[in-house]
């Protein structure tokens, strides 16, 4: 019987969720080891001596699964499909807010000369409104795409659970 193994590192808070996820695709947990390391050393910066502390904390999980188990190819394909789901990148309207703020400040500083100050301030306010609309659009698109990606992942997990249950039913018959 051929076995494949996989080792991954996760944050301690994500340990159980990761174990459950991999078990859905037919993996069996072989070992779980928390790695916690705190290192302190002194560093000189000019005339100052600073104590620098770095902390490493993660859990190393080792999984294995039989390549000859029933429905191996289906579970493997579903696992690859699950990991290939693209989650969106959240765009930011920060640049628009910075530009509108600069233009508005220029307008405020030039209010003494109403001929320049008021139009510049008006442009700054228009850009600020545009920034809020951009921010809402980016947010709506992000959450819509994220929701679709989450639904796709849940659909794949449900398929994997049903394939795994087929395996269990075959073994009990």
Protein backbone atom coordinates (compact mmCIF):
# COMPACT_ATOMS: atom_id res chain seq x y z
CA UNK A 1 0.00 0.00 0.00
CA UNK A 2 1.40 3.37 -1.07
CA UNK A 3 1.03 6.29 1.26
CA UNK A 4 1.50 9.95 0.61
CA UNK A 5 2.35 12.38 3.36
CA UNK A 6 2.00 16.10 3.73
CA UNK A 7 3.40 18.45 6.34
CA UNK A 8 1.98 21.93 6.88
CA UNK A 9 2.46 24.70 9.41
CA UNK A 10 -0.52 26.66 10.74
CA UNK A 11 -1.27 29.22 13.41
CA UNK A 12 -2.26 27.53 16.70
CA UNK A 13 -5.76 29.02 16.47
CA UNK A 14 -6.27 27.32 13.08
CA UNK A 15 -5.14 23.84 14.12
CA UNK A 16 -8.51 22.09 14.53
CA UNK A 17 -10.07 23.77 11.51
CA UNK A 18 -7.12 22.66 9.36
CA UNK A 19 -7.29 19.10 10.69
CA UNK A 20 -11.01 18.93 9.89
CA UNK A 21 -10.40 20.33 6.40
CA UNK A 22 -7.72 17.79 5.50
CA UNK A 23 -9.68 14.89 6.97
CA UNK A 24 -12.50 15.83 4.61
CA UNK A 25 -10.17 14.98 1.72
CA UNK A 26 -9.18 11.62 3.18
CA UNK A 27 -6.05 12.65 5.06
CA UNK A 28 -5.31 11.17 8.48
CA UNK A 29 -3.47 13.19 11.10
CA UNK A 30 -0.18 11.51 11.99
CA UNK A 31 1.27 14.11 14.33
CA UNK A 32 0.71 17.57 15.68
CA UNK A 33 3.56 19.51 17.23
CA UNK A 34 3.42 23.08 18.52
CA UNK A 35 6.60 25.02 17.89
CA UNK A 36 7.15 27.91 20.28
CA UNK A 37 10.45 29.72 20.34
CA UNK A 38 11.28 33.04 21.95
CA UNK A 39 14.72 34.48 21.26
CA UNK A 40 16.13 37.61 22.88
CA UNK A 41 19.35 39.37 22.07
CA UNK A 42 20.91 42.80 22.48
CA UNK A 43 21.51 45.15 19.56
CA UNK A 44 23.46 48.38 19.54
CA UNK A 45 21.91 51.32 17.69
CA UNK A 46 24.20 54.34 17.95
CA UNK A 47 24.65 54.99 21.69
CA UNK A 48 21.63 52.89 22.64
CA UNK A 49 21.51 49.19 23.44
CA UNK A 50 18.12 47.61 22.72
CA UNK A 51 16.77 44.23 23.71
CA UNK A 52 15.23 42.54 20.67
CA UNK A 53 12.82 39.65 21.20
CA UNK A 54 11.46 37.51 18.38
CA UNK A 55 8.77 34.91 18.92
CA UNK A 56 7.93 31.99 16.65
CA UNK A 57 4.72 30.11 17.34
CA UNK A 58 3.04 27.68 14.96
CA UNK A 59 1.74 24.12 14.83
CA UNK A 60 3.31 21.59 12.49
CA UNK A 61 0.76 19.06 11.26
CA UNK A 62 1.73 15.87 9.45
CA UNK A 63 -0.95 14.05 7.46
CA UNK A 64 -0.93 10.86 5.42
CA UNK A 65 -3.38 9.03 3.18
CA UNK A 66 -3.41 5.82 1.21
CA UNK A 67 -3.18 6.30 -2.54
CA UNK A 68 -5.02 3.01 -2.94
CA UNK A 69 -8.02 4.01 -0.84
CA UNK A 70 -11.44 4.03 -2.51
CA UNK A 71 -12.22 7.26 -4.40
CA UNK A 72 -8.66 8.52 -3.96
CA UNK A 73 -8.59 10.20 -7.37
CA UNK A 74 -11.93 11.96 -6.74
CA UNK A 75 -10.85 13.22 -3.31
CA UNK A 76 -7.46 14.31 -4.65
CA UNK A 77 -9.08 16.19 -7.54
CA UNK A 78 -11.56 17.87 -5.19
CA UNK A 79 -8.72 18.88 -2.87
CA UNK A 80 -6.81 20.45 -5.78
CA UNK A 81 -9.98 22.24 -6.89
CA UNK A 82 -10.51 23.52 -3.33
CA UNK A 83 -6.98 24.93 -3.12
CA UNK A 84 -7.31 26.50 -6.59
CA UNK A 85 -10.32 28.66 -5.61
CA UNK A 86 -9.30 32.29 -6.05
CA UNK A 87 -10.21 34.65 -3.25
CA UNK A 88 -10.41 38.31 -4.25
CA UNK A 89 -7.92 41.00 -3.36
CA UNK A 90 -9.57 43.90 -1.53
CA UNK A 91 -8.92 47.09 -3.45
CA UNK A 92 -8.53 50.35 -1.60
CA UNK A 93 -9.83 53.83 -2.38
CA UNK A 94 -7.15 55.32 -0.11
CA UNK A 95 -5.47 57.11 -3.03
CA UNK A 96 -8.69 58.88 -3.92
CA UNK A 97 -9.14 60.01 -0.30
CA UNK A 98 -5.58 61.37 -0.20
CA UNK A 99 -6.03 63.28 -3.45
CA UNK A 100 -9.40 64.70 -2.37
CA UNK A 101 -7.92 65.72 0.99
CA UNK A 102 -5.01 67.53 -0.65
CA UNK A 103 -7.29 69.35 -3.09
CA UNK A 104 -9.72 70.29 -0.30
CA UNK A 105 -6.86 71.62 1.84
CA UNK A 106 -5.58 73.68 -1.10
CA UNK A 107 -9.09 75.10 -1.44
CA UNK A 108 -9.28 75.94 2.27
CA UNK A 109 -5.86 77.63 2.23
CA UNK A 110 -6.90 79.70 -0.78
CA UNK A 111 -10.31 80.79 0.56
CA UNK A 112 -8.87 84.28 1.04
CA UNK A 113 -8.84 84.57 -2.72
CA UNK A 114 -12.37 83.35 -3.33
CA UNK A 115 -11.76 83.23 -7.07
CA UNK A 116 -9.39 80.26 -6.62
CA UNK A 117 -10.33 78.93 -3.20
CA UNK A 118 -14.02 78.14 -3.69
CA UNK A 119 -13.62 76.24 -7.02
CA UNK A 120 -10.68 74.24 -5.63
CA UNK A 121 -12.61 73.42 -2.44
CA UNK A 122 -15.61 72.37 -4.58
CA UNK A 123 -13.38 70.05 -6.62
CA UNK A 124 -12.01 68.59 -3.36
CA UNK A 125 -15.53 67.92 -2.09
CA UNK A 126 -16.54 66.31 -5.40
CA UNK A 127 -13.44 64.09 -5.24
CA UNK A 128 -14.30 63.16 -1.64
CA UNK A 129 -17.81 62.09 -2.70
CA UNK A 130 -16.26 60.16 -5.60
CA UNK A 131 -13.87 58.48 -3.11
CA UNK A 132 -16.78 57.27 -0.97
CA UNK A 133 -18.52 55.89 -4.07
CA UNK A 134 -15.31 54.11 -5.14
CA UNK A 135 -14.88 52.70 -1.64
CA UNK A 136 -18.46 51.37 -1.63
CA UNK A 137 -18.04 49.89 -5.13
CA UNK A 138 -14.76 48.18 -4.18
CA UNK A 139 -16.31 46.89 -0.96
CA UNK A 140 -19.44 45.57 -2.68
CA UNK A 141 -17.38 43.84 -5.39
CA UNK A 142 -15.00 42.36 -2.82
CA UNK A 143 -17.73 40.92 -0.60
CA UNK A 144 -19.66 39.61 -3.58
CA UNK A 145 -16.58 37.84 -4.98
CA UNK A 146 -15.58 36.61 -1.51
CA UNK A 147 -19.07 35.22 -0.94
CA UNK A 148 -18.94 33.42 -4.30
CA UNK A 149 -15.51 31.95 -3.44
CA UNK A 150 -16.76 30.80 -0.02
CA UNK A 151 -19.80 29.17 -1.64
CA UNK A 152 -17.53 27.41 -4.15
CA UNK A 153 -15.34 26.10 -1.32
CA UNK A 154 -18.36 24.89 0.65
CA UNK A 155 -19.73 23.16 -2.47
CA UNK A 156 -16.39 21.36 -2.97
CA UNK A 157 -16.29 20.33 0.71
CA UNK A 158 -19.82 18.94 0.47
CA UNK A 159 -18.84 16.93 -2.61
CA UNK A 160 -15.76 15.60 -0.78
CA UNK A 161 -17.88 14.62 2.24
CA UNK A 162 -20.30 12.72 0.02
CA UNK A 163 -17.43 10.97 -1.80
CA UNK A 164 -15.88 10.08 1.57
CA UNK A 165 -19.26 8.76 2.80
CA UNK A 166 -19.49 6.62 -0.34
CA UNK A 167 -16.17 5.09 0.70
CA UNK A 168 -17.46 4.37 4.20
CA UNK A 169 -20.66 2.77 2.82
CA UNK A 170 -18.60 0.56 0.47
CA UNK A 171 -16.41 -0.60 3.34
CA UNK A 172 -19.36 -1.48 5.61
CA UNK A 173 -21.16 -3.53 2.97
